[in-house]
């Protein structure tokens, strides 16, 4: 959130993992991403779900001047986020109680239809 609040990402795109289709975010799409992060609460962060697929359907890459982050989009409900560089544990997010307009799975599905 600190990176998003202090600068606009230099690179922001989604990748569909089954066919490796890439789609850059428009300004409107990046607004949805910011709204997603602003709507997170402490209760949104969970332990790793036991029924999580081995491979995410989509990945979102956020590149800032100093940092790069990857969001794994597994389903409408589960997302994980981690920094690209370093040895950090993934943070898992449950989006089931989030406003549907901020759902990143729906955004990726819209950007890169199957």
N, C-alpha and C. Protein backbone atom coordinates (compact mmCIF):
# COMPACT_ATOMS: atom_id res chain seq x y z
N UNK A 1 0.83 -1.20 0.00
CA UNK A 1 0.00 0.00 0.00
C UNK A 1 0.86 1.25 0.00
N UNK A 2 2.00 1.19 0.68
CA UNK A 2 2.87 2.36 0.71
C UNK A 2 3.32 2.74 -0.69
N UNK A 3 3.70 1.73 -1.48
CA UNK A 3 4.14 2.00 -2.85
C UNK A 3 3.00 2.58 -3.68
N UNK A 4 1.80 2.01 -3.55
CA UNK A 4 0.65 2.49 -4.33
C UNK A 4 0.25 3.90 -3.96
N UNK A 5 0.39 4.25 -2.69
CA UNK A 5 -0.02 5.59 -2.27
C UNK A 5 1.03 6.65 -2.62
N UNK A 6 2.28 6.24 -2.83
CA UNK A 6 3.32 7.22 -3.11
C UNK A 6 3.67 7.36 -4.58
N UNK A 7 3.34 6.37 -5.40
CA UNK A 7 3.66 6.47 -6.83
C UNK A 7 2.74 5.57 -7.66
N UNK A 8 2.66 5.89 -8.91
CA UNK A 8 1.92 5.08 -9.87
C UNK A 8 2.84 3.95 -10.33
N UNK A 9 2.33 2.74 -10.47
CA UNK A 9 3.19 1.65 -10.92
C UNK A 9 3.78 1.95 -12.30
N UNK A 10 5.05 1.62 -12.47
CA UNK A 10 5.71 1.81 -13.76
C UNK A 10 5.25 0.75 -14.75
N UNK A 11 4.89 -0.40 -14.21
CA UNK A 11 4.37 -1.49 -15.03
C UNK A 11 3.28 -2.19 -14.24
N UNK A 12 2.16 -2.45 -14.89
CA UNK A 12 1.04 -3.11 -14.24
C UNK A 12 0.31 -3.93 -15.30
N UNK A 13 0.35 -5.24 -15.12
CA UNK A 13 -0.30 -6.10 -16.11
C UNK A 13 -0.77 -7.40 -15.47
N UNK A 14 -1.70 -8.06 -16.17
CA UNK A 14 -2.21 -9.36 -15.76
C UNK A 14 -1.72 -10.40 -16.75
N UNK A 15 -1.54 -11.61 -16.26
CA UNK A 15 -1.08 -12.72 -17.09
C UNK A 15 -2.01 -13.91 -16.86
N UNK A 16 -2.61 -14.42 -17.92
CA UNK A 16 -3.44 -15.63 -17.84
C UNK A 16 -2.51 -16.82 -17.93
N UNK A 17 -2.46 -17.63 -16.90
CA UNK A 17 -1.43 -18.65 -16.76
C UNK A 17 -1.63 -19.87 -17.67
N UNK A 18 -2.82 -20.14 -18.15
CA UNK A 18 -3.02 -21.31 -19.00
C UNK A 18 -2.44 -21.13 -20.40
N UNK A 19 -2.49 -19.91 -20.93
CA UNK A 19 -1.97 -19.66 -22.27
C UNK A 19 -0.94 -18.53 -22.28
N UNK A 20 -0.58 -18.05 -21.11
CA UNK A 20 0.39 -16.97 -20.95
C UNK A 20 0.04 -15.75 -21.79
N UNK A 21 -1.24 -15.39 -21.74
CA UNK A 21 -1.70 -14.16 -22.38
C UNK A 21 -1.48 -13.01 -21.42
N UNK A 22 -0.95 -11.92 -21.93
CA UNK A 22 -0.65 -10.75 -21.10
C UNK A 22 -1.54 -9.60 -21.51
N UNK A 23 -1.99 -8.83 -20.52
CA UNK A 23 -2.80 -7.65 -20.79
C UNK A 23 -2.40 -6.54 -19.82
N UNK A 24 -2.00 -5.39 -20.35
CA UNK A 24 -1.67 -4.24 -19.53
C UNK A 24 -2.94 -3.62 -18.97
N UNK A 25 -2.84 -3.07 -17.78
CA UNK A 25 -3.98 -2.41 -17.16
C UNK A 25 -4.13 -1.00 -17.73
N UNK A 26 -5.38 -0.60 -17.94
CA UNK A 26 -5.67 0.79 -18.29
C UNK A 26 -5.72 1.60 -17.00
N UNK A 27 -5.90 2.90 -17.13
CA UNK A 27 -6.01 3.75 -15.95
C UNK A 27 -7.23 3.35 -15.10
N UNK A 28 -8.35 3.03 -15.77
CA UNK A 28 -9.55 2.59 -15.05
C UNK A 28 -9.31 1.28 -14.30
N UNK A 29 -8.59 0.35 -14.95
CA UNK A 29 -8.29 -0.93 -14.33
C UNK A 29 -7.41 -0.75 -13.10
N UNK A 30 -6.45 0.16 -13.19
CA UNK A 30 -5.57 0.39 -12.04
C UNK A 30 -6.34 1.02 -10.88
N UNK A 31 -7.39 1.76 -11.17
CA UNK A 31 -8.24 2.32 -10.12
C UNK A 31 -8.93 1.21 -9.34
N UNK A 32 -9.37 0.17 -10.03
CA UNK A 32 -9.99 -0.99 -9.37
C UNK A 32 -8.98 -1.66 -8.44
N UNK A 33 -7.74 -1.76 -8.89
CA UNK A 33 -6.71 -2.37 -8.07
C UNK A 33 -6.47 -1.54 -6.79
N UNK A 34 -6.40 -0.24 -6.93
CA UNK A 34 -6.23 0.64 -5.76
C UNK A 34 -7.41 0.49 -4.81
N UNK A 35 -8.62 0.45 -5.35
CA UNK A 35 -9.82 0.27 -4.52
C UNK A 35 -9.80 -1.08 -3.81
N UNK A 36 -9.30 -2.10 -4.50
CA UNK A 36 -9.17 -3.43 -3.88
C UNK A 36 -8.28 -3.32 -2.63
N UNK A 37 -7.11 -2.73 -2.78
CA UNK A 37 -6.19 -2.62 -1.65
C UNK A 37 -6.75 -1.75 -0.53
N UNK A 38 -7.46 -0.69 -0.89
CA UNK A 38 -8.05 0.18 0.12
C UNK A 38 -9.16 -0.50 0.90
N UNK A 39 -9.79 -1.50 0.31
CA UNK A 39 -10.91 -2.18 0.98
C UNK A 39 -10.45 -3.34 1.86
N UNK A 40 -9.17 -3.68 1.84
CA UNK A 40 -8.68 -4.78 2.68
C UNK A 40 -8.74 -4.42 4.15
N UNK A 41 -9.08 -5.40 4.96
CA UNK A 41 -9.06 -5.24 6.41
C UNK A 41 -8.15 -6.33 6.99
N UNK A 42 -7.88 -6.26 8.26
CA UNK A 42 -7.08 -7.30 8.91
C UNK A 42 -7.73 -8.67 8.76
N UNK A 43 -9.05 -8.71 8.78
CA UNK A 43 -9.78 -9.98 8.64
C UNK A 43 -9.65 -10.57 7.24
N UNK A 44 -9.26 -9.77 6.26
CA UNK A 44 -9.09 -10.25 4.89
C UNK A 44 -7.89 -11.19 4.78
N UNK A 45 -6.90 -11.01 5.63
CA UNK A 45 -5.68 -11.80 5.58
C UNK A 45 -5.88 -13.09 6.38
N UNK A 46 -5.58 -14.21 5.73
CA UNK A 46 -5.87 -15.52 6.31
C UNK A 46 -4.63 -16.42 6.20
N UNK A 47 -4.69 -17.57 6.87
CA UNK A 47 -3.67 -18.59 6.68
C UNK A 47 -3.90 -19.24 5.32
N UNK A 48 -2.90 -19.93 4.83
CA UNK A 48 -3.01 -20.58 3.51
C UNK A 48 -4.17 -21.56 3.52
N UNK A 49 -5.13 -21.39 2.59
CA UNK A 49 -6.27 -22.32 2.52
C UNK A 49 -5.81 -23.73 2.12
N UNK A 50 -6.46 -24.73 2.67
CA UNK A 50 -6.08 -26.12 2.37
C UNK A 50 -6.52 -26.54 0.97
N UNK A 51 -7.56 -25.92 0.44
CA UNK A 51 -8.09 -26.32 -0.87
C UNK A 51 -7.62 -25.41 -2.00
N UNK A 52 -6.48 -24.76 -1.82
CA UNK A 52 -5.95 -23.84 -2.82
C UNK A 52 -5.37 -24.62 -4.00
N UNK A 53 -5.71 -24.24 -5.24
CA UNK A 53 -5.11 -24.92 -6.39
C UNK A 53 -3.58 -24.76 -6.39
N UNK A 54 -2.89 -25.69 -7.01
CA UNK A 54 -1.42 -25.64 -7.05
C UNK A 54 -0.93 -24.46 -7.88
N UNK A 55 -1.71 -24.09 -8.89
CA UNK A 55 -1.30 -23.03 -9.81
C UNK A 55 -2.40 -21.97 -9.91
N UNK A 56 -2.06 -20.69 -9.83
CA UNK A 56 -3.08 -19.66 -9.97
C UNK A 56 -3.56 -19.56 -11.43
N UNK A 57 -4.80 -19.10 -11.61
CA UNK A 57 -5.32 -18.88 -12.96
C UNK A 57 -4.72 -17.63 -13.58
N UNK A 58 -4.52 -16.61 -12.77
CA UNK A 58 -3.97 -15.34 -13.23
C UNK A 58 -2.89 -14.88 -12.27
N UNK A 59 -2.01 -14.04 -12.80
CA UNK A 59 -1.03 -13.33 -11.97
C UNK A 59 -1.11 -11.87 -12.36
N UNK A 60 -0.97 -11.01 -11.37
CA UNK A 60 -0.88 -9.57 -11.61
C UNK A 60 0.49 -9.12 -11.14
N UNK A 61 1.19 -8.38 -11.99
CA UNK A 61 2.52 -7.89 -11.67
C UNK A 61 2.47 -6.37 -11.51
N UNK A 62 2.95 -5.89 -10.37
CA UNK A 62 3.03 -4.45 -10.08
C UNK A 62 4.50 -4.10 -9.93
N UNK A 63 4.99 -3.19 -10.76
CA UNK A 63 6.38 -2.77 -10.69
C UNK A 63 6.44 -1.29 -10.35
N UNK A 64 7.16 -0.99 -9.27
CA UNK A 64 7.40 0.39 -8.84
C UNK A 64 8.88 0.70 -9.04
N UNK A 65 9.28 1.91 -8.73
CA UNK A 65 10.67 2.28 -8.94
C UNK A 65 11.63 1.41 -8.11
N UNK A 66 11.23 1.02 -6.92
CA UNK A 66 12.12 0.24 -6.06
C UNK A 66 11.64 -1.19 -5.81
N UNK A 67 10.36 -1.44 -5.92
CA UNK A 67 9.80 -2.75 -5.56
C UNK A 67 8.94 -3.32 -6.67
N UNK A 68 8.82 -4.65 -6.64
CA UNK A 68 7.94 -5.35 -7.57
C UNK A 68 7.16 -6.39 -6.77
N UNK A 69 5.85 -6.49 -7.05
CA UNK A 69 4.98 -7.42 -6.34
C UNK A 69 4.24 -8.31 -7.33
N UNK A 70 3.90 -9.49 -6.86
CA UNK A 70 3.13 -10.44 -7.66
C UNK A 70 1.89 -10.82 -6.87
N UNK A 71 0.74 -10.75 -7.53
CA UNK A 71 -0.51 -11.23 -6.94
C UNK A 71 -0.92 -12.47 -7.69
N UNK A 72 -1.11 -13.56 -6.97
CA UNK A 72 -1.64 -14.79 -7.56
C UNK A 72 -3.15 -14.79 -7.37
N UNK A 73 -3.87 -14.93 -8.46
CA UNK A 73 -5.33 -14.96 -8.41
C UNK A 73 -5.76 -16.41 -8.64
N UNK A 74 -6.20 -17.07 -7.58
CA UNK A 74 -6.57 -18.48 -7.66
C UNK A 74 -8.03 -18.69 -8.04
N UNK A 75 -8.89 -17.83 -7.51
CA UNK A 75 -10.34 -17.98 -7.72
C UNK A 75 -11.00 -16.66 -7.36
N UNK A 76 -12.32 -16.65 -7.40
CA UNK A 76 -13.04 -15.45 -6.98
C UNK A 76 -12.80 -15.15 -5.51
N UNK A 77 -12.41 -16.16 -4.76
CA UNK A 77 -12.28 -16.00 -3.31
C UNK A 77 -10.84 -15.81 -2.83
N UNK A 78 -9.88 -16.49 -3.43
CA UNK A 78 -8.53 -16.50 -2.87
C UNK A 78 -7.48 -15.84 -3.76
N UNK A 79 -6.65 -15.04 -3.10
CA UNK A 79 -5.56 -14.32 -3.73
C UNK A 79 -4.36 -14.40 -2.80
N UNK A 80 -3.17 -14.40 -3.36
CA UNK A 80 -1.97 -14.26 -2.52
C UNK A 80 -1.12 -13.14 -3.11
N UNK A 81 -0.31 -12.53 -2.27
CA UNK A 81 0.56 -11.45 -2.69
C UNK A 81 1.92 -11.64 -2.03
N UNK A 82 2.95 -11.31 -2.79
CA UNK A 82 4.31 -11.39 -2.26
C UNK A 82 5.24 -10.50 -3.08
N UNK A 83 6.33 -10.03 -2.46
CA UNK A 83 7.29 -9.23 -3.22
C UNK A 83 8.10 -10.13 -4.15
N UNK A 84 8.46 -9.60 -5.30
CA UNK A 84 9.21 -10.36 -6.31
C UNK A 84 10.60 -10.73 -5.79
N UNK A 85 11.27 -9.77 -5.17
CA UNK A 85 12.62 -9.99 -4.68
C UNK A 85 12.60 -10.31 -3.19
N UNK A 86 13.44 -11.21 -2.79
CA UNK A 86 13.55 -11.53 -1.37
C UNK A 86 12.89 -12.84 -1.05
N UNK A 87 13.09 -13.27 0.16
CA UNK A 87 12.55 -14.54 0.63
C UNK A 87 11.48 -14.24 1.67
N UNK A 88 10.30 -13.89 1.20
CA UNK A 88 9.20 -13.53 2.08
C UNK A 88 8.06 -14.51 1.93
N UNK A 89 7.35 -14.72 3.01
CA UNK A 89 6.18 -15.59 3.02
C UNK A 89 5.03 -14.90 2.26
N UNK A 90 4.24 -15.67 1.54
CA UNK A 90 3.07 -15.13 0.84
C UNK A 90 2.01 -14.73 1.86
N UNK A 91 1.34 -13.64 1.56
CA UNK A 91 0.16 -13.25 2.32
C UNK A 91 -1.05 -13.74 1.54
N UNK A 92 -1.96 -14.42 2.20
CA UNK A 92 -3.17 -14.94 1.56
C UNK A 92 -4.35 -14.06 1.94
N UNK A 93 -5.20 -13.81 0.95
CA UNK A 93 -6.33 -12.90 1.14
C UNK A 93 -7.62 -13.61 0.74
N UNK A 94 -8.62 -13.50 1.58
CA UNK A 94 -9.97 -14.00 1.29
C UNK A 94 -10.81 -12.80 0.86
N UNK A 95 -11.30 -12.83 -0.37
CA UNK A 95 -12.06 -11.70 -0.92
C UNK A 95 -13.57 -11.92 -0.88
N UNK A 96 -14.03 -12.95 -0.19
CA UNK A 96 -15.46 -13.29 -0.22
C UNK A 96 -16.35 -12.21 0.39
N UNK A 97 -15.83 -11.40 1.29
CA UNK A 97 -16.65 -10.37 1.92
C UNK A 97 -16.38 -8.98 1.34
N UNK A 98 -15.67 -8.96 0.25
CA UNK A 98 -15.29 -7.70 -0.38
C UNK A 98 -16.35 -7.30 -1.41
N UNK A 99 -16.47 -6.01 -1.65
CA UNK A 99 -17.36 -5.48 -2.66
C UNK A 99 -17.00 -6.09 -4.02
N UNK A 100 -17.97 -6.65 -4.73
CA UNK A 100 -17.74 -7.40 -5.98
C UNK A 100 -17.03 -6.58 -7.06
N UNK A 101 -17.23 -5.28 -7.08
CA UNK A 101 -16.60 -4.43 -8.10
C UNK A 101 -15.08 -4.40 -7.94
N UNK A 102 -14.57 -4.78 -6.77
CA UNK A 102 -13.13 -4.76 -6.53
C UNK A 102 -12.50 -6.15 -6.63
N UNK A 103 -13.27 -7.13 -7.09
CA UNK A 103 -12.77 -8.49 -7.18
C UNK A 103 -11.77 -8.60 -8.33
N UNK A 104 -10.53 -8.96 -8.01
CA UNK A 104 -9.47 -9.01 -9.01
C UNK A 104 -9.61 -10.20 -9.96
N UNK A 105 -10.26 -11.27 -9.51
CA UNK A 105 -10.53 -12.39 -10.40
C UNK A 105 -11.46 -11.94 -11.53
N UNK A 106 -12.51 -11.22 -11.17
CA UNK A 106 -13.43 -10.70 -12.17
C UNK A 106 -12.75 -9.72 -13.11
N UNK A 107 -11.86 -8.89 -12.59
CA UNK A 107 -11.13 -7.95 -13.44
C UNK A 107 -10.23 -8.70 -14.41
N UNK A 108 -9.51 -9.69 -13.95
CA UNK A 108 -8.63 -10.47 -14.84
C UNK A 108 -9.43 -11.22 -15.89
N UNK A 109 -10.55 -11.76 -15.48
CA UNK A 109 -11.43 -12.48 -16.42
C UNK A 109 -11.96 -11.56 -17.50
N UNK A 110 -12.25 -10.31 -17.12
CA UNK A 110 -12.69 -9.29 -18.07
C UNK A 110 -11.55 -8.90 -19.01
N UNK A 111 -10.36 -8.71 -18.45
CA UNK A 111 -9.21 -8.27 -19.26
C UNK A 111 -8.74 -9.35 -20.24
N UNK A 112 -8.74 -10.59 -19.78
CA UNK A 112 -8.23 -11.70 -20.59
C UNK A 112 -9.29 -12.81 -20.60
N UNK A 113 -10.30 -12.70 -21.46
CA UNK A 113 -11.33 -13.74 -21.51
C UNK A 113 -10.73 -15.08 -21.93
N UNK A 114 -11.27 -16.15 -21.36
CA UNK A 114 -10.77 -17.51 -21.68
C UNK A 114 -11.13 -17.92 -23.08
